[in-house]
C-alpha cells in the first residue's frame, strides 16, 4: 500500500496508486496516436469483449499524465439496473480522472485485476464508480507492448457481483495480448507507409 508522508506522521492511504511511468507513457501514446480521441475499431473491440464476457460494459482504456481515456467503449443502449435499483450509466464521458475506476491500479501493477465484488475490498469499495455508476465487479488486464511499457488496459465491468474465475481471467489476458499485437501491427504498417 502507498502512504503519503506529507499528511502527517501516520500518513494516509492513497486510493489511487502513484504512476511514475505516466510521462513516458504519455509520450508513447501520442507517438502511437492513441488516447486522445475515440477509435471506431477499438469501440468494435470493446463490443466483442463485452459479448465474449457477457458484461454490460467493456473498455479499451489508455492512461496518460492527464488521466484516463476510454478510446474503445461498449455500453448497453439501456444500462442495467444496479442492485440498489439505480441505473448505471458509465461512459457518457470518455475522459476520467485517475481516481475513477480500477484501471490505474492495473497499469501501475502491470498485472490483471479480478474483483468479483468490489465491496469485498476496502481499497476499492469507496471508488467513485461504485457509488456513482453502481459498478460492483471488474475484470481488467494491462496492455503491455513488446518494450515492456504498459499503455493502458482492456476491462469489463458489471453492476452485479460476478464470479469471473479462471476462465474470465484467461479471457481478459488473452484479449489484452491480442489487442497489443494489433496495435503493434498497426504501428508497423504506419511506419512502412512513411
C-alpha atoms as a PDB file:
ATOM      1  CA  UNK A   1       0.000   0.000   0.000  1.00  0.00           C
ATOM      2  CA  UNK A   2       1.106   3.532  -0.646  1.00  0.00           C
ATOM      3  CA  UNK A   3       1.142   6.147   2.093  1.00  0.00           C
ATOM      4  CA  UNK A   4       1.500   9.903   1.791  1.00  0.00           C
ATOM      5  CA  UNK A   5       4.015  11.048   4.423  1.00  0.00           C
ATOM      6  CA  UNK A   6       3.126  14.710   3.780  1.00  0.00           C
ATOM      7  CA  UNK A   7      -0.204  14.215   5.536  1.00  0.00           C
ATOM      8  CA  UNK A   8       1.423  13.724   8.914  1.00  0.00           C
ATOM      9  CA  UNK A   9       3.387  11.146  10.847  1.00  0.00           C
ATOM     10  CA  UNK A  10       0.735   8.455  10.467  1.00  0.00           C
ATOM     11  CA  UNK A  11       0.300   9.129   6.755  1.00  0.00           C
ATOM     12  CA  UNK A  12      -2.878   8.321   4.856  1.00  0.00           C
ATOM     13  CA  UNK A  13      -3.753   5.583   2.427  1.00  0.00           C
ATOM     14  CA  UNK A  14      -3.719   6.783  -1.172  1.00  0.00           C
ATOM     15  CA  UNK A  15      -6.514   5.033  -3.016  1.00  0.00           C
ATOM     16  CA  UNK A  16      -5.123   5.909  -6.453  1.00  0.00           C
ATOM     17  CA  UNK A  17      -1.646   4.480  -6.985  1.00  0.00           C
ATOM     18  CA  UNK A  18       1.258   6.726  -7.860  1.00  0.00           C
ATOM     19  CA  UNK A  19       2.103   6.380 -11.559  1.00  0.00           C
ATOM     20  CA  UNK A  20       5.762   7.227 -12.142  1.00  0.00           C
ATOM     21  CA  UNK A  21       5.582   5.983 -15.749  1.00  0.00           C
ATOM     22  CA  UNK A  22       2.832   8.429 -16.788  1.00  0.00           C
ATOM     23  CA  UNK A  23       5.124  10.966 -18.556  1.00  0.00           C
ATOM     24  CA  UNK A  24       6.869   8.272 -20.636  1.00  0.00           C
ATOM     25  CA  UNK A  25       3.556   6.544 -21.354  1.00  0.00           C
ATOM     26  CA  UNK A  26       2.027   9.854 -22.466  1.00  0.00           C
ATOM     27  CA  UNK A  27       4.842  10.388 -24.967  1.00  0.00           C
ATOM     28  CA  UNK A  28       4.456   6.832 -26.261  1.00  0.00           C
ATOM     29  CA  UNK A  29       0.677   7.101 -26.599  1.00  0.00           C
ATOM     30  CA  UNK A  30       0.996  10.394 -28.505  1.00  0.00           C
ATOM     31  CA  UNK A  31       3.561   8.774 -30.807  1.00  0.00           C
ATOM     32  CA  UNK A  32       1.089   5.971 -31.487  1.00  0.00           C
ATOM     33  CA  UNK A  33      -1.794   8.394 -31.987  1.00  0.00           C
ATOM     34  CA  UNK A  34      -3.703   6.814 -29.106  1.00  0.00           C
ATOM     35  CA  UNK A  35      -5.566   8.150 -26.115  1.00  0.00           C
ATOM     36  CA  UNK A  36      -6.887  11.448 -27.427  1.00  0.00           C
ATOM     37  CA  UNK A  37      -9.966  10.520 -29.454  1.00  0.00           C
ATOM     38  CA  UNK A  38     -12.398   7.636 -29.779  1.00  0.00           C
ATOM     39  CA  UNK A  39     -11.291   4.945 -32.191  1.00  0.00           C
ATOM     40  CA  UNK A  40     -14.129   3.149 -34.018  1.00  0.00           C
ATOM     41  CA  UNK A  41     -12.050  -0.024 -34.334  1.00  0.00           C
ATOM     42  CA  UNK A  42     -11.476  -0.011 -30.567  1.00  0.00           C
ATOM     43  CA  UNK A  43     -15.201   0.506 -29.995  1.00  0.00           C
ATOM     44  CA  UNK A  44     -15.764  -2.647 -32.064  1.00  0.00           C
ATOM     45  CA  UNK A  45     -13.104  -4.403 -29.990  1.00  0.00           C
ATOM     46  CA  UNK A  46     -14.901  -3.363 -26.795  1.00  0.00           C
ATOM     47  CA  UNK A  47     -18.194  -4.617 -28.266  1.00  0.00           C
ATOM     48  CA  UNK A  48     -16.594  -8.015 -28.924  1.00  0.00           C
ATOM     49  CA  UNK A  49     -15.083  -8.107 -25.440  1.00  0.00           C
ATOM     50  CA  UNK A  50     -18.483  -7.382 -23.884  1.00  0.00           C
ATOM     51  CA  UNK A  51     -20.026 -10.172 -25.938  1.00  0.00           C
ATOM     52  CA  UNK A  52     -17.228 -12.610 -25.027  1.00  0.00           C
ATOM     53  CA  UNK A  53     -17.573 -11.960 -21.293  1.00  0.00           C
ATOM     54  CA  UNK A  54     -21.310 -11.200 -21.278  1.00  0.00           C
ATOM     55  CA  UNK A  55     -20.555  -7.997 -19.399  1.00  0.00           C
ATOM     56  CA  UNK A  56     -22.645  -4.854 -19.896  1.00  0.00           C
ATOM     57  CA  UNK A  57     -19.567  -2.603 -20.003  1.00  0.00           C
ATOM     58  CA  UNK A  58     -16.247  -3.077 -21.792  1.00  0.00           C
ATOM     59  CA  UNK A  59     -13.418  -0.620 -22.301  1.00  0.00           C
ATOM     60  CA  UNK A  60     -10.093  -0.093 -24.007  1.00  0.00           C
ATOM     61  CA  UNK A  61      -8.523   2.470 -21.733  1.00  0.00           C
ATOM     62  CA  UNK A  62      -5.313   4.444 -22.217  1.00  0.00           C
ATOM     63  CA  UNK A  63      -3.859   6.205 -19.192  1.00  0.00           C
ATOM     64  CA  UNK A  64      -1.653   9.242 -19.568  1.00  0.00           C
ATOM     65  CA  UNK A  65      -0.462  12.071 -17.348  1.00  0.00           C
ATOM     66  CA  UNK A  66      -3.880  13.786 -17.578  1.00  0.00           C
ATOM     67  CA  UNK A  67      -5.959  10.775 -16.596  1.00  0.00           C
ATOM     68  CA  UNK A  68      -7.795   8.018 -18.421  1.00  0.00           C
ATOM     69  CA  UNK A  69      -9.216   7.985 -21.934  1.00  0.00           C
ATOM     70  CA  UNK A  70     -11.712   5.323 -22.998  1.00  0.00           C
ATOM     71  CA  UNK A  71     -10.677   5.029 -26.651  1.00  0.00           C
ATOM     72  CA  UNK A  72     -12.822   1.924 -27.047  1.00  0.00           C
ATOM     73  CA  UNK A  73     -16.114   1.690 -25.227  1.00  0.00           C
ATOM     74  CA  UNK A  74     -19.122  -0.593 -25.076  1.00  0.00           C
ATOM     75  CA  UNK A  75     -22.149   0.463 -23.065  1.00  0.00           C
ATOM     76  CA  UNK A  76     -25.583  -1.090 -23.423  1.00  0.00           C
ATOM     77  CA  UNK A  77     -28.339   1.012 -25.011  1.00  0.00           C
ATOM     78  CA  UNK A  78     -30.264   0.780 -21.750  1.00  0.00           C
ATOM     79  CA  UNK A  79     -27.892   0.494 -18.773  1.00  0.00           C
ATOM     80  CA  UNK A  80     -28.793  -2.340 -16.403  1.00  0.00           C
ATOM     81  CA  UNK A  81     -30.235  -1.547 -13.015  1.00  0.00           C
ATOM     82  CA  UNK A  82     -27.725  -1.693 -10.218  1.00  0.00           C
ATOM     83  CA  UNK A  83     -28.689  -3.829  -7.190  1.00  0.00           C
ATOM     84  CA  UNK A  84     -29.876  -0.680  -5.408  1.00  0.00           C
ATOM     85  CA  UNK A  85     -32.284  -0.001  -8.305  1.00  0.00           C
ATOM     86  CA  UNK A  86     -30.396   2.971  -9.763  1.00  0.00           C
ATOM     87  CA  UNK A  87     -29.492   2.930 -13.440  1.00  0.00           C
ATOM     88  CA  UNK A  88     -25.776   2.737 -14.049  1.00  0.00           C
ATOM     89  CA  UNK A  89     -24.539   4.839 -16.949  1.00  0.00           C
ATOM     90  CA  UNK A  90     -20.733   4.926 -17.042  1.00  0.00           C
ATOM     91  CA  UNK A  91     -19.119   6.019 -20.243  1.00  0.00           C
ATOM     92  CA  UNK A  92     -21.125   9.106 -21.103  1.00  0.00           C
ATOM     93  CA  UNK A  93     -17.761  10.836 -20.870  1.00  0.00           C
ATOM     94  CA  UNK A  94     -14.699   9.116 -22.281  1.00  0.00           C
ATOM     95  CA  UNK A  95     -12.168  11.022 -20.188  1.00  0.00           C
ATOM     96  CA  UNK A  96     -11.983  10.186 -16.494  1.00  0.00           C
ATOM     97  CA  UNK A  97      -9.697  11.168 -13.668  1.00  0.00           C
ATOM     98  CA  UNK A  98      -7.173   8.671 -12.368  1.00  0.00           C
ATOM     99  CA  UNK A  99      -9.243   8.302  -9.212  1.00  0.00           C
ATOM    100  CA  UNK A 100     -12.185   6.758 -11.117  1.00  0.00           C
ATOM    101  CA  UNK A 101     -12.257   3.035 -11.649  1.00  0.00           C
ATOM    102  CA  UNK A 102      -9.710   0.318 -11.278  1.00  0.00           C
ATOM    103  CA  UNK A 103      -7.670   0.545 -14.487  1.00  0.00           C
ATOM    104  CA  UNK A 104      -4.999   2.842 -12.948  1.00  0.00           C
ATOM    105  CA  UNK A 105      -4.264   0.029 -10.473  1.00  0.00           C
ATOM    106  CA  UNK A 106      -3.859  -2.464 -13.319  1.00  0.00           C
ATOM    107  CA  UNK A 107      -1.483  -0.127 -15.159  1.00  0.00           C
ATOM    108  CA  UNK A 108       0.731   0.574 -12.141  1.00  0.00           C
ATOM    109  CA  UNK A 109       0.748  -3.110 -11.094  1.00  0.00           C
ATOM    110  CA  UNK A 110       1.325  -4.345 -14.637  1.00  0.00           C
ATOM    111  CA  UNK A 111      -0.924  -7.325 -13.820  1.00  0.00           C
ATOM    112  CA  UNK A 112      -4.531  -8.298 -14.305  1.00  0.00           C
ATOM    113  CA  UNK A 113      -7.041  -7.478 -11.612  1.00  0.00           C
ATOM    114  CA  UNK A 114     -10.124  -9.535 -10.782  1.00  0.00           C
ATOM    115  CA  UNK A 115     -12.725  -8.021  -8.471  1.00  0.00           C
ATOM    116  CA  UNK A 116     -15.731 -10.315  -8.276  1.00  0.00           C
ATOM    117  CA  UNK A 117     -17.409  -7.959  -5.790  1.00  0.00           C
ATOM    118  CA  UNK A 118     -15.613  -4.656  -5.314  1.00  0.00           C
ATOM    119  CA  UNK A 119     -17.302  -4.184  -1.945  1.00  0.00           C
ATOM    120  CA  UNK A 120     -15.208  -7.066  -0.586  1.00  0.00           C
ATOM    121  CA  UNK A 121     -12.050  -4.940  -0.945  1.00  0.00           C
ATOM    122  CA  UNK A 122     -11.784  -1.828   1.273  1.00  0.00           C
ATOM    123  CA  UNK A 123      -9.238  -0.282  -1.086  1.00  0.00           C
ATOM    124  CA  UNK A 124     -11.709  -0.448  -3.990  1.00  0.00           C
ATOM    125  CA  UNK A 125     -15.135  -0.278  -2.313  1.00  0.00           C
ATOM    126  CA  UNK A 126     -15.104   3.518  -1.977  1.00  0.00           C
ATOM    127  CA  UNK A 127     -14.042   4.214  -5.571  1.00  0.00           C
ATOM    128  CA  UNK A 128     -16.252   6.851  -7.267  1.00  0.00           C
ATOM    129  CA  UNK A 129     -17.504   4.349  -9.892  1.00  0.00           C
ATOM    130  CA  UNK A 130     -19.010   2.168  -7.168  1.00  0.00           C
ATOM    131  CA  UNK A 131     -21.420   4.814  -5.873  1.00  0.00           C
ATOM    132  CA  UNK A 132     -21.576   6.983  -8.989  1.00  0.00           C
ATOM    133  CA  UNK A 133     -22.241   4.256 -11.551  1.00  0.00           C
ATOM    134  CA  UNK A 134     -23.185   1.242  -9.472  1.00  0.00           C
ATOM    135  CA  UNK A 135     -20.190  -0.844 -10.600  1.00  0.00           C
ATOM    136  CA  UNK A 136     -19.915  -3.992  -8.474  1.00  0.00           C
ATOM    137  CA  UNK A 137     -17.460  -6.188 -10.375  1.00  0.00           C
ATOM    138  CA  UNK A 138     -14.419  -5.592 -12.562  1.00  0.00           C
ATOM    139  CA  UNK A 139     -12.041  -7.629 -14.679  1.00  0.00           C
ATOM    140  CA  UNK A 140      -9.079  -5.933 -16.351  1.00  0.00           C
ATOM    141  CA  UNK A 141      -5.696  -6.726 -17.885  1.00  0.00           C
ATOM    142  CA  UNK A 142      -2.791  -4.464 -18.856  1.00  0.00           C
ATOM    143  CA  UNK A 143      -1.864  -3.671 -22.445  1.00  0.00           C
ATOM    144  CA  UNK A 144       1.876  -4.374 -22.299  1.00  0.00           C
ATOM    145  CA  UNK A 145       3.734  -3.742 -25.530  1.00  0.00           C
ATOM    146  CA  UNK A 146       6.866  -5.638 -26.528  1.00  0.00           C
ATOM    147  CA  UNK A 147       9.109  -2.933 -24.991  1.00  0.00           C
ATOM    148  CA  UNK A 148       7.543  -3.695 -21.608  1.00  0.00           C
ATOM    149  CA  UNK A 149       5.637  -0.416 -21.379  1.00  0.00           C
ATOM    150  CA  UNK A 150       2.070  -0.633 -20.098  1.00  0.00           C
ATOM    151  CA  UNK A 151      -0.096   1.553 -22.349  1.00  0.00           C
ATOM    152  CA  UNK A 152      -3.437   1.012 -20.670  1.00  0.00           C
ATOM    153  CA  UNK A 153      -5.990  -1.730 -20.141  1.00  0.00           C
ATOM    154  CA  UNK A 154      -8.793  -3.791 -21.551  1.00  0.00           C
ATOM    155  CA  UNK A 155     -11.520  -4.287 -19.000  1.00  0.00           C
ATOM    156  CA  UNK A 156     -15.105  -5.222 -18.369  1.00  0.00           C
ATOM    157  CA  UNK A 157     -17.455  -4.273 -15.557  1.00  0.00           C
ATOM    158  CA  UNK A 158     -20.872  -5.183 -14.270  1.00  0.00           C
ATOM    159  CA  UNK A 159     -23.392  -3.685 -11.853  1.00  0.00           C
ATOM    160  CA  UNK A 160     -23.723  -7.053 -10.123  1.00  0.00           C
ATOM    161  CA  UNK A 161     -21.080  -9.205  -8.460  1.00  0.00           C
ATOM    162  CA  UNK A 162     -19.646 -11.643 -10.992  1.00  0.00           C
ATOM    163  CA  UNK A 163     -17.713 -14.879 -10.437  1.00  0.00           C
ATOM    164  CA  UNK A 164     -15.195 -14.220 -13.236  1.00  0.00           C
ATOM    165  CA  UNK A 165     -12.999 -17.129 -12.116  1.00  0.00           C
ATOM    166  CA  UNK A 166     -10.034 -18.526 -14.024  1.00  0.00           C
ATOM    167  CA  UNK A 167     -11.893 -18.559 -17.367  1.00  0.00           C
ATOM    168  CA  UNK A 168     -12.599 -14.830 -17.069  1.00  0.00           C
ATOM    169  CA  UNK A 169      -9.007 -14.088 -16.106  1.00  0.00           C
ATOM    170  CA  UNK A 170      -7.697 -16.161 -19.034  1.00  0.00           C
ATOM    171  CA  UNK A 171     -10.101 -14.432 -21.442  1.00  0.00           C
ATOM    172  CA  UNK A 172      -9.156 -10.898 -20.388  1.00  0.00           C
ATOM    173  CA  UNK A 173      -5.417 -11.652 -20.542  1.00  0.00           C
ATOM    174  CA  UNK A 174      -5.807 -13.188 -23.992  1.00  0.00           C
ATOM    175  CA  UNK A 175      -7.821 -10.181 -25.164  1.00  0.00           C
ATOM    176  CA  UNK A 176      -5.127  -7.805 -23.918  1.00  0.00           C
ATOM    177  CA  UNK A 177      -2.372  -9.736 -25.698  1.00  0.00           C
ATOM    178  CA  UNK A 178      -4.390  -9.822 -28.940  1.00  0.00           C
ATOM    179  CA  UNK A 179      -5.050  -6.096 -28.810  1.00  0.00           C
ATOM    180  CA  UNK A 180      -1.394  -5.279 -28.172  1.00  0.00           C
ATOM    181  CA  UNK A 181      -0.446  -7.383 -31.206  1.00  0.00           C
ATOM    182  CA  UNK A 182      -2.999  -5.451 -33.307  1.00  0.00           C
ATOM    183  CA  UNK A 183      -1.706  -2.094 -32.080  1.00  0.00           C
ATOM    184  CA  UNK A 184       1.906  -3.045 -32.772  1.00  0.00           C
ATOM    185  CA  UNK A 185       0.952  -4.348 -36.229  1.00  0.00           C
ATOM    186  CA  UNK A 186      -0.879  -1.083 -36.936  1.00  0.00           C
ATOM    187  CA  UNK A 187       2.180   0.908 -35.861  1.00  0.00           C
ATOM    188  CA  UNK A 188       4.444  -1.195 -38.091  1.00  0.00           C
ATOM    189  CA  UNK A 189       2.113  -0.705 -41.064  1.00  0.00           C
ATOM    190  CA  UNK A 190       2.137   3.066 -40.482  1.00  0.00           C
ATOM    191  CA  UNK A 191       5.920   3.043 -40.284  1.00  0.00           C
ATOM    192  CA  UNK A 192       6.208   1.185 -43.586  1.00  0.00           C
ATOM    193  CA  UNK A 193       3.879   3.644 -45.316  1.00  0.00           C
ATOM    194  CA  UNK A 194       6.154   6.575 -44.475  1.00  0.00           C
END
